[in-house]
Amino acid sequence: MKKILVTVVLGVAATAAAQTAAQPAQPPQGQAAQGQPATGTPAPAAAAQAPVIKDPAEYNAYMGAIQQKDPTAQISGLEAYLTQYPNSVMKVAALQTLMQDYQQTNNQQKTIDTATKLVAADPTNERAIFLLAYIDRLKAQGGDPNAKQDLADARKYGQMGLDGLSKFTKPDGTSDADFQKMKDQMTGVFNAAIGISAITDKDYDTARKDLRAAVESSPDFQKDFSVVYPLALAYAGPTPADPKTPPDPINAIWFAARASVVAPTPQYQQQIEKYAKGLYIKYHGGDDGWADVLAQAKANPLPPAGFAIKPAPSPAEQAHAMVVATPPDKMDFATWEFVLTNGSKDDQDTVWNAIKGKAVQMQGKVIQATATEFDIAGSSDDIDSNKADITLTFEDKVPLKLIPKAGASLDFQGEPASYTPSPFMMTMEKGKLLKAAAPPAKAPVHHKPAAQ
């Protein structure tokens, strides 16, 4: 994961080094510098605009350091130079080159320290801000003990970088196309730093905006699991759901599927694909069409125009489909309960008018019982929850020896007389016991349809 944008960082930093390698203007005429003749020849226009080191000794110290070809030797020379001349006009240029040297020698801590000094000396230095935003974000995601502070710093540098990017000038010798690519990569780094920090702070709106901007900024981020997967989590929203930040299921499903494609290991790929498929089934109501969504995510880094997923039918739509598919007198009790709880008024009336006052024979679980009234669980869900959904009343008292114990399975008959939809309870009159109560029995046969 940490290697995904290393070439990007090195590329931008290398461009910085190319600029900082420019030599300062020579000391005034007559003051010969080491290796430089005092000819008095006018400097070219570009050199005339460079900072002027007036002290020949300082000039020689700087040139002796900057002209070293070996990064280690250059580091030693520049560190000594900055210690001896802490307020030099070449301080920013020296720190930029030193930052690049430390990066080339894989000294991350010194790279960070030098970049921090560089930003302190030049708060508009996009190259140093870029490196700090990038490294701090990756340190935090890599499990650094100081991850909280890393993320705070990453967010700070990310915002500084975005604010200053419009003033970032094209380095000499860089084509327009390469400069645009460089700015796109830097934009992605800045947005990713802000977005990862935001999702950690449970600021889902900011996380969605900035992580999406990072993914859209360049192809590098479209295959960066450390950005794509957090973007999916940002769209999925907090758990439990927060009405202030409602989930965006379409984008959550897409970027979770995409994250499974770019995950760094087969194990991660399987885990994230399972998560993405779960989001899909929850939203769509089934796994039909999932294979097509996953195939699209493999082929496209971003959702294609018009991408959509059909949501699962609402409980009212499910209830209507049940009424259309099955006559009420052929439905089981759990289906009656579902329609009478979730259906439209017309669908409720269709079912109720068909069953009201009609003798019904069924099996249930006794919750509690008296000589004149039994509380019974009739649907599978309510049996499992030990919750009554039927009140069965008797015209004559039930003999004491026939009154079942709580938990017993019971075959009975009754006539639906009234119901309340929420919480659901149906009252049945003219109750009859069809056989003696038995001990808790087999799994019930009445299954309540699951509302999507």
Protein backbone atom coordinates (compact mmCIF):
# COMPACT_ATOMS: atom_id res chain seq x y z
CA MET A 1 0.00 0.00 0.00
CA LYS A 2 2.80 2.40 0.92
CA LYS A 3 4.49 1.85 -2.43
CA ILE A 4 1.51 2.80 -4.56
CA LEU A 5 2.42 6.47 -4.89
CA VAL A 6 6.14 6.33 -4.21
CA THR A 7 6.92 7.02 -7.85
CA VAL A 8 4.57 9.98 -7.74
CA VAL A 9 6.25 11.44 -4.68
CA LEU A 10 9.73 10.88 -6.10
CA GLY A 11 8.69 12.39 -9.40
CA VAL A 12 7.42 15.59 -7.83
CA ALA A 13 10.37 15.81 -5.47
CA ALA A 14 12.82 15.22 -8.32
CA THR A 15 11.32 18.18 -10.14
CA ALA A 16 11.81 20.22 -6.98
CA ALA A 17 15.46 19.15 -6.82
CA ALA A 18 16.00 20.18 -10.41
CA GLN A 19 14.86 23.68 -9.54
CA THR A 20 16.75 23.97 -6.27
CA ALA A 21 20.01 22.89 -7.90
CA ALA A 22 20.16 26.30 -9.55
CA GLN A 23 23.23 28.15 -8.33
CA PRO A 24 23.02 31.50 -6.50
CA ALA A 25 24.43 34.62 -8.07
CA GLN A 26 28.20 35.10 -7.63
CA PRO A 27 29.61 37.46 -4.99
CA PRO A 28 30.38 41.04 -6.03
CA GLN A 29 33.21 41.57 -8.50
CA GLY A 30 36.70 41.27 -7.14
CA GLN A 31 35.72 38.69 -4.50
CA ALA A 32 36.74 35.39 -6.06
CA ALA A 33 34.87 32.30 -4.93
CA GLN A 34 36.39 28.84 -4.78
CA GLY A 35 36.54 27.44 -8.29
CA GLN A 36 35.03 30.62 -9.77
CA PRO A 37 37.11 33.22 -11.67
CA ALA A 38 36.51 36.87 -10.76
CA THR A 39 36.03 38.02 -14.34
CA GLY A 40 33.38 40.60 -13.75
CA THR A 41 31.36 39.15 -16.65
CA PRO A 42 27.66 40.10 -16.28
CA ALA A 43 25.48 37.19 -15.25
CA PRO A 44 22.65 36.01 -17.49
CA ALA A 45 19.23 37.51 -16.85
CA ALA A 46 17.93 34.40 -15.07
CA ALA A 47 20.96 34.28 -12.77
CA ALA A 48 20.59 37.98 -11.99
CA GLN A 49 17.23 37.18 -10.43
CA ALA A 50 18.65 34.46 -8.18
CA PRO A 51 19.45 35.16 -4.51
CA VAL A 52 22.87 36.75 -4.04
CA ILE A 53 25.29 35.39 -1.45
CA LYS A 54 27.43 38.39 -0.63
CA ASP A 55 29.89 36.60 1.64
CA PRO A 56 32.47 34.68 -0.46
CA ALA A 57 33.06 32.19 2.35
CA GLU A 58 29.34 31.43 2.53
CA TYR A 59 29.18 31.19 -1.25
CA ASN A 60 32.04 28.70 -1.33
CA ALA A 61 30.46 26.65 1.47
CA TYR A 62 27.16 26.47 -0.39
CA MET A 63 28.73 25.62 -3.73
CA GLY A 64 30.96 23.01 -2.12
CA ALA A 65 27.86 21.29 -0.72
CA ILE A 66 25.47 21.66 -3.66
CA GLN A 67 27.99 20.38 -6.20
CA GLN A 68 28.46 17.05 -4.42
CA LYS A 69 27.21 14.21 -6.61
CA ASP A 70 26.80 11.64 -3.84
CA PRO A 71 23.58 12.28 -1.81
CA THR A 72 25.27 11.34 1.48
CA ALA A 73 28.10 13.79 0.87
CA GLN A 74 25.63 16.47 -0.20
CA ILE A 75 23.60 15.90 3.00
CA SER A 76 26.70 16.34 5.13
CA GLY A 77 27.68 19.53 3.30
CA LEU A 78 24.22 21.10 3.38
CA GLU A 79 23.62 20.28 7.04
CA ALA A 80 26.94 21.91 7.91
CA TYR A 81 26.10 24.90 5.72
CA LEU A 82 22.66 25.43 7.34
CA THR A 83 24.18 25.11 10.81
CA GLN A 84 26.81 27.74 10.01
CA TYR A 85 24.45 30.02 8.03
CA PRO A 86 20.95 29.49 9.50
CA ASN A 87 19.58 32.70 7.99
CA SER A 88 21.12 32.36 4.54
CA VAL A 89 19.27 33.66 1.50
CA MET A 90 19.72 30.11 0.15
CA LYS A 91 18.04 28.47 3.16
CA VAL A 92 14.89 27.45 1.27
CA ALA A 93 16.85 26.14 -1.72
CA ALA A 94 19.22 24.23 0.55
CA LEU A 95 16.34 22.67 2.54
CA GLN A 96 14.58 21.62 -0.67
CA THR A 97 17.67 19.83 -1.93
CA LEU A 98 18.32 18.34 1.50
CA MET A 99 14.74 17.05 1.67
CA GLN A 100 15.22 15.32 -1.68
CA ASP A 101 18.53 13.82 -0.56
CA TYR A 102 16.99 12.34 2.57
CA GLN A 103 14.17 10.90 0.53
CA GLN A 104 16.58 9.34 -1.96
CA THR A 105 18.49 7.73 0.91
CA ASN A 106 15.20 6.37 2.40
CA ASN A 107 15.54 8.33 5.63
CA GLN A 108 11.87 9.01 6.26
CA GLN A 109 12.21 10.75 9.61
CA LYS A 110 14.85 13.14 8.31
CA THR A 111 12.71 13.75 5.23
CA ILE A 112 9.80 14.71 7.49
CA ASP A 113 12.00 16.86 9.75
CA THR A 114 13.50 18.71 6.79
CA ALA A 115 10.13 19.19 5.09
CA THR A 116 8.76 20.61 8.35
CA LYS A 117 11.65 23.08 8.54
CA LEU A 118 11.07 23.97 4.92
CA VAL A 119 7.38 24.75 5.49
CA ALA A 120 8.33 26.85 8.51
CA ALA A 121 10.76 28.82 6.32
CA ASP A 122 8.41 28.94 3.32
CA PRO A 123 4.71 28.30 4.21
CA THR A 124 3.81 28.28 0.52
CA ASN A 125 6.24 25.51 -0.43
CA GLU A 126 3.91 23.04 -2.15
CA ARG A 127 6.58 20.35 -2.51
CA ALA A 128 7.26 20.12 1.23
CA ILE A 129 3.55 20.38 2.07
CA PHE A 130 2.90 17.60 -0.46
CA LEU A 131 5.41 15.26 1.16
CA LEU A 132 4.13 15.94 4.68
CA ALA A 133 0.49 15.39 3.72
CA TYR A 134 1.38 12.15 1.98
CA ILE A 135 3.72 10.68 4.60
CA ASP A 136 1.60 11.64 7.60
CA ARG A 137 -1.47 10.03 6.05
CA LEU A 138 0.35 6.79 5.26
CA LYS A 139 1.94 6.66 8.71
CA ALA A 140 -1.49 6.89 10.30
CA GLN A 141 -2.99 4.22 8.04
CA GLY A 142 0.03 2.03 8.66
CA GLY A 143 -0.68 1.83 12.38
CA ASP A 144 1.73 4.47 13.69
CA PRO A 145 1.37 4.87 17.50
CA ASN A 146 0.86 8.60 16.97
CA ALA A 147 -1.82 8.06 14.31
CA LYS A 148 -4.19 10.65 15.79
CA GLN A 149 -1.58 13.39 15.53
CA ASP A 150 -0.46 12.10 12.12
CA LEU A 151 -4.00 12.49 10.80
CA ALA A 152 -4.40 15.95 12.29
CA ASP A 153 -1.15 16.98 10.60
CA ALA A 154 -2.13 15.31 7.34
CA ARG A 155 -5.42 17.20 7.29
CA LYS A 156 -3.65 20.49 8.07
CA TYR A 157 -1.09 20.01 5.30
CA GLY A 158 -3.73 18.72 2.90
CA GLN A 159 -5.74 21.91 3.31
CA MET A 160 -2.62 24.08 3.05
CA GLY A 161 -1.71 22.28 -0.14
CA LEU A 162 -5.11 22.72 -1.75
CA ASP A 163 -5.21 26.38 -0.77
CA GLY A 164 -1.83 27.06 -2.34
CA LEU A 165 -2.05 24.88 -5.42
CA SER A 166 -3.51 27.63 -7.60
CA LYS A 167 -0.32 29.64 -7.05
CA PHE A 168 2.01 26.71 -7.77
CA THR A 169 4.10 27.67 -10.79
CA LYS A 170 5.29 25.34 -13.49
CA PRO A 171 8.91 24.23 -12.97
CA ASP A 172 11.37 25.18 -15.70
CA GLY A 173 11.60 22.61 -18.45
CA THR A 174 8.28 20.96 -17.58
CA SER A 175 5.72 20.49 -20.34
CA ASP A 176 2.14 21.64 -19.85
CA ALA A 177 0.94 18.03 -19.90
CA ASP A 178 3.47 16.91 -17.29
CA PHE A 179 2.68 19.92 -15.13
CA GLN A 180 -1.04 19.12 -15.23
CA LYS A 181 -0.31 15.52 -14.30
CA MET A 182 1.86 16.73 -11.43
CA LYS A 183 -0.91 19.00 -10.13
CA ASP A 184 -3.47 16.20 -10.45
CA GLN A 185 -1.27 13.91 -8.36
CA MET A 186 -0.70 16.59 -5.76
CA THR A 187 -4.43 17.32 -5.62
CA GLY A 188 -5.07 13.65 -4.98
CA VAL A 189 -2.53 13.53 -2.16
CA PHE A 190 -4.02 16.61 -0.50
CA ASN A 191 -7.61 15.38 -0.82
CA ALA A 192 -6.71 11.91 0.43
CA ALA A 193 -5.02 13.38 3.50
CA ILE A 194 -8.12 15.43 4.33
CA GLY A 195 -10.54 12.60 3.55
CA ILE A 196 -8.83 9.91 5.63
CA SER A 197 -8.61 12.26 8.58
CA ALA A 198 -12.27 13.21 8.14
CA ILE A 199 -13.61 9.66 8.14
CA THR A 200 -11.57 8.92 11.26
CA ASP A 201 -13.27 11.92 12.86
CA LYS A 202 -16.66 10.58 11.65
CA ASP A 203 -17.05 13.59 9.36
CA TYR A 204 -18.62 11.52 6.59
CA ASP A 205 -19.69 14.40 4.36
CA THR A 206 -16.14 15.77 4.14
CA ALA A 207 -14.72 12.26 3.75
CA ARG A 208 -17.02 11.56 0.80
CA LYS A 209 -16.18 14.84 -0.91
CA ASP A 210 -12.40 14.69 -0.51
CA LEU A 211 -11.84 10.96 -0.98
CA ARG A 212 -14.01 11.04 -4.12
CA ALA A 213 -11.96 14.00 -5.38
CA ALA A 214 -8.78 12.01 -4.70
CA VAL A 215 -10.05 8.98 -6.62
CA GLU A 216 -11.10 11.17 -9.52
CA SER A 217 -7.82 13.11 -9.56
CA SER A 218 -5.59 10.54 -11.24
CA PRO A 219 -5.32 6.83 -12.19
CA ASP A 220 -2.90 6.30 -9.29
CA PHE A 221 -5.66 6.78 -6.74
CA GLN A 222 -8.19 4.73 -8.70
CA LYS A 223 -6.13 1.64 -7.88
CA ASP A 224 -5.12 2.74 -4.36
CA PHE A 225 -6.90 0.45 -1.88
CA SER A 226 -5.96 2.77 1.00
CA VAL A 227 -8.19 5.45 -0.53
CA VAL A 228 -10.86 3.49 -2.44
CA TYR A 229 -11.94 1.31 0.50
CA PRO A 230 -12.29 4.23 2.97
CA LEU A 231 -14.38 5.97 0.30
CA ALA A 232 -16.75 2.99 0.29
CA LEU A 233 -16.98 3.17 4.09
CA ALA A 234 -17.66 6.91 3.91
CA TYR A 235 -20.57 6.34 1.52
CA ALA A 236 -21.91 3.49 3.68
CA GLY A 237 -22.05 5.98 6.53
CA PRO A 238 -21.95 5.45 10.27
CA THR A 239 -23.32 2.36 12.00
CA PRO A 240 -25.96 2.65 13.30
CA ALA A 241 -27.26 4.99 10.63
CA ASP A 242 -27.34 8.70 11.39
CA PRO A 243 -30.19 10.68 9.77
CA LYS A 244 -27.84 13.67 9.55
CA THR A 245 -25.60 11.67 7.21
CA PRO A 246 -27.82 9.14 5.45
CA PRO A 247 -26.01 6.35 3.61
CA ASP A 248 -25.41 6.52 -0.12
CA PRO A 249 -25.92 2.81 -0.93
CA ILE A 250 -25.25 3.01 -4.69
CA ASN A 251 -21.80 4.58 -4.26
CA ALA A 252 -21.06 2.45 -1.19
CA ILE A 253 -21.72 -0.72 -3.19
CA TRP A 254 -19.72 0.48 -6.21
CA PHE A 255 -16.58 1.54 -4.34
CA ALA A 256 -16.70 -1.51 -2.04
CA ALA A 257 -16.78 -3.67 -5.18
CA ARG A 258 -13.95 -1.60 -6.67
CA ALA A 259 -11.96 -1.93 -3.43
CA SER A 260 -12.24 -5.72 -3.67
CA VAL A 261 -10.72 -5.49 -7.15
CA VAL A 262 -7.72 -3.38 -6.08
CA ALA A 263 -7.21 -5.02 -2.66
CA PRO A 264 -3.53 -5.91 -2.11
CA THR A 265 -3.95 -9.62 -1.28
CA PRO A 266 -6.36 -12.44 -2.24
CA GLN A 267 -7.52 -12.61 1.38
CA TYR A 268 -8.44 -8.94 1.41
CA GLN A 269 -10.11 -9.32 -1.97
CA GLN A 270 -12.36 -12.09 -0.66
CA GLN A 271 -13.21 -10.24 2.54
CA ILE A 272 -14.03 -6.96 0.82
CA GLU A 273 -16.01 -8.67 -1.94
CA LYS A 274 -18.10 -10.41 0.73
CA TYR A 275 -18.72 -7.04 2.39
CA ALA A 276 -19.65 -5.42 -0.95
CA LYS A 277 -22.01 -8.27 -1.83
CA GLY A 278 -23.66 -7.93 1.57
CA LEU A 279 -24.30 -4.23 0.92
CA TYR A 280 -25.76 -5.16 -2.47
CA ILE A 281 -28.12 -7.81 -1.11
CA LYS A 282 -29.28 -5.51 1.69
CA TYR A 283 -30.13 -2.78 -0.80
CA HIS A 284 -31.35 -4.85 -3.74
CA GLY A 285 -33.09 -7.62 -1.82
CA GLY A 286 -31.18 -10.50 -3.45
CA ASP A 287 -27.89 -11.38 -5.14
CA ASP A 288 -29.29 -11.43 -8.67
CA GLY A 289 -27.28 -8.95 -10.77
CA TRP A 290 -24.34 -8.89 -8.38
CA ALA A 291 -21.97 -10.59 -10.80
CA ASP A 292 -22.64 -7.84 -13.36
CA VAL A 293 -21.94 -5.08 -10.83
CA LEU A 294 -18.65 -6.72 -9.84
CA ALA A 295 -17.66 -7.12 -13.50
CA GLN A 296 -18.33 -3.43 -14.12
CA ALA A 297 -16.24 -2.48 -11.09
CA LYS A 298 -13.35 -4.55 -12.45
CA ALA A 299 -13.54 -2.82 -15.81
CA ASN A 300 -14.17 0.77 -14.64
CA PRO A 301 -12.48 2.75 -11.86
CA LEU A 302 -15.54 5.00 -11.50
CA PRO A 303 -19.28 4.31 -11.84
CA PRO A 304 -20.31 4.53 -15.50
CA ALA A 305 -22.82 7.20 -16.50
CA GLY A 306 -26.31 6.11 -15.55
CA PHE A 307 -25.12 3.36 -13.21
CA ALA A 308 -28.00 2.26 -11.00
CA ILE A 309 -29.10 -0.63 -8.81
CA LYS A 310 -32.77 -1.45 -8.40
CA PRO A 311 -33.73 -1.22 -4.73
CA ALA A 312 -35.56 -4.02 -2.98
CA PRO A 313 -39.35 -3.66 -2.97
CA SER A 314 -40.72 -1.81 0.02
CA PRO A 315 -42.73 -3.74 2.63
CA ALA A 316 -45.92 -2.28 1.12
CA GLU A 317 -44.84 -3.44 -2.35
CA GLN A 318 -44.02 -6.88 -1.00
CA ALA A 319 -47.41 -7.06 0.70
CA HIS A 320 -49.21 -6.13 -2.52
CA ALA A 321 -47.29 -8.79 -4.45
CA MET A 322 -48.42 -11.36 -1.87
CA VAL A 323 -52.06 -10.33 -2.24
CA VAL A 324 -51.83 -10.52 -6.03
CA ALA A 325 -50.06 -13.90 -5.96
CA THR A 326 -52.13 -15.78 -3.38
CA PRO A 327 -55.83 -15.68 -2.35
CA PRO A 328 -56.14 -14.71 1.33
CA ASP A 329 -57.74 -18.05 2.27
CA LYS A 330 -54.65 -19.84 0.91
CA MET A 331 -52.13 -17.70 2.83
CA ASP A 332 -50.54 -18.86 6.06
CA PHE A 333 -50.87 -16.85 9.25
CA ALA A 334 -47.44 -15.18 8.91
CA THR A 335 -48.42 -13.80 5.49
CA TRP A 336 -51.67 -12.41 6.92
CA GLU A 337 -49.63 -10.73 9.65
CA PHE A 338 -47.19 -9.24 7.13
CA VAL A 339 -49.95 -7.83 4.88
CA LEU A 340 -52.07 -6.54 7.76
CA THR A 341 -48.97 -4.84 9.25
CA ASN A 342 -47.31 -3.46 6.10
CA GLY A 343 -49.86 -3.42 3.30
CA SER A 344 -51.85 -0.52 1.92
CA LYS A 345 -55.35 0.04 3.23
CA ASP A 346 -56.80 -1.68 0.16
CA ASP A 347 -54.55 -4.73 0.55
CA GLN A 348 -55.29 -4.93 4.26
CA ASP A 349 -59.02 -4.80 3.57
CA THR A 350 -58.74 -7.48 0.89
CA VAL A 351 -57.18 -9.91 3.33
CA TRP A 352 -59.23 -8.99 6.37
CA ASN A 353 -62.60 -9.12 4.63
CA ALA A 354 -61.72 -12.58 3.31
CA ILE A 355 -60.80 -14.10 6.69
CA LYS A 356 -62.87 -12.20 9.26
CA GLY A 357 -65.37 -14.48 11.02
CA LYS A 358 -64.14 -17.58 9.18
CA ALA A 359 -63.01 -20.60 11.20
CA VAL A 360 -59.23 -21.04 11.00
CA GLN A 361 -57.29 -24.10 12.13
CA MET A 362 -53.58 -23.69 12.87
CA GLN A 363 -50.71 -24.48 15.19
CA GLY A 364 -48.94 -22.12 17.57
CA LYS A 365 -46.90 -21.81 20.76
CA VAL A 366 -48.59 -21.01 24.06
CA ILE A 367 -47.17 -17.89 25.72
CA GLN A 368 -49.63 -17.86 28.61
CA ALA A 369 -53.09 -19.35 29.18
CA THR A 370 -56.14 -18.99 31.42
CA ALA A 371 -59.46 -20.83 31.39
CA THR A 372 -60.98 -18.23 29.05
CA GLU A 373 -58.09 -16.82 27.02
CA PHE A 374 -54.83 -18.05 25.51
CA ASP A 375 -52.01 -15.83 24.30
CA ILE A 376 -50.38 -17.63 21.37
CA ALA A 377 -47.42 -17.02 19.03
CA GLY A 378 -48.47 -18.00 15.52
CA SER A 379 -45.64 -16.87 13.21
CA SER A 380 -42.14 -18.34 13.20
CA ASP A 381 -40.51 -15.03 14.15
CA ASP A 382 -42.82 -14.48 17.09
CA ILE A 383 -42.44 -18.10 18.22
CA ASP A 384 -38.67 -17.63 18.25
CA SER A 385 -39.09 -14.35 20.14
CA ASN A 386 -41.59 -15.89 22.58
CA LYS A 387 -43.99 -13.10 21.68
CA ALA A 388 -47.77 -13.47 21.38
CA ASP A 389 -49.46 -12.35 18.17
CA ILE A 390 -52.84 -14.09 18.71
CA THR A 391 -55.34 -13.76 21.53
CA LEU A 392 -57.67 -16.80 21.43
CA THR A 393 -60.89 -16.46 23.48
CA PHE A 394 -63.28 -19.25 24.47
CA GLU A 395 -67.05 -19.14 24.92
CA ASP A 396 -66.85 -21.80 27.62
CA LYS A 397 -64.14 -22.16 30.20
CA VAL A 398 -61.38 -24.62 29.36
CA PRO A 399 -61.11 -27.45 31.92
CA LEU A 400 -58.10 -27.01 34.19
CA LYS A 401 -56.51 -30.25 33.03
CA LEU A 402 -56.60 -29.06 29.41
CA ILE A 403 -55.01 -25.67 29.99
CA PRO A 404 -51.53 -25.92 28.42
CA LYS A 405 -48.33 -24.73 30.03
CA ALA A 406 -46.32 -21.86 28.59
CA GLY A 407 -44.10 -23.09 25.76
CA ALA A 408 -46.38 -25.92 24.71
CA SER A 409 -47.27 -26.50 21.07
CA LEU A 410 -50.99 -26.18 20.43
CA ASP A 411 -53.36 -27.10 17.59
CA PHE A 412 -56.42 -24.89 17.78
CA GLN A 413 -59.32 -23.30 15.90
CA GLY A 414 -60.62 -19.75 16.08
CA GLU A 415 -62.43 -17.08 14.11
CA PRO A 416 -60.55 -13.80 13.38
CA ALA A 417 -62.55 -11.01 14.98
CA SER A 418 -60.23 -7.96 15.14
CA TYR A 419 -56.58 -6.95 14.87
CA THR A 420 -54.16 -4.14 15.60
CA PRO A 421 -51.38 -3.66 13.03
CA SER A 422 -48.55 -2.31 15.22
CA PRO A 423 -47.64 -4.08 17.36
CA PHE A 424 -49.52 -6.82 15.59
CA MET A 425 -52.15 -8.71 17.54
CA MET A 426 -55.09 -10.66 16.15
CA THR A 427 -58.03 -11.57 18.35
CA MET A 428 -59.75 -14.85 17.48
CA GLU A 429 -63.09 -15.79 19.01
CA LYS A 430 -64.94 -19.09 19.50
CA GLY A 431 -61.71 -20.87 20.34
CA LYS A 432 -61.52 -24.65 20.23
CA LEU A 433 -58.76 -27.07 21.20
CA LEU A 434 -58.24 -29.59 18.45
CA LYS A 435 -56.17 -31.90 20.60
CA ALA A 436 -54.56 -31.98 24.00
CA ALA A 437 -51.63 -29.64 24.49
CA ALA A 438 -48.23 -31.27 23.95
CA PRO A 439 -44.69 -30.41 25.11
CA PRO A 440 -42.74 -27.83 23.06
CA ALA A 441 -42.76 -29.25 19.56
CA LYS A 442 -40.98 -29.18 16.23
CA ALA A 443 -40.13 -26.08 14.28
CA PRO A 444 -43.24 -24.07 13.36
CA VAL A 445 -44.59 -24.08 9.87
CA HIS A 446 -45.76 -20.46 9.71
CA HIS A 447 -42.90 -18.22 8.54
CA LYS A 448 -43.26 -14.47 8.47
CA PRO A 449 -41.89 -12.96 5.21
CA ALA A 450 -38.84 -10.77 5.78
CA ALA A 451 -39.39 -7.07 5.13
CA GLN A 452 -36.58 -5.57 3.04
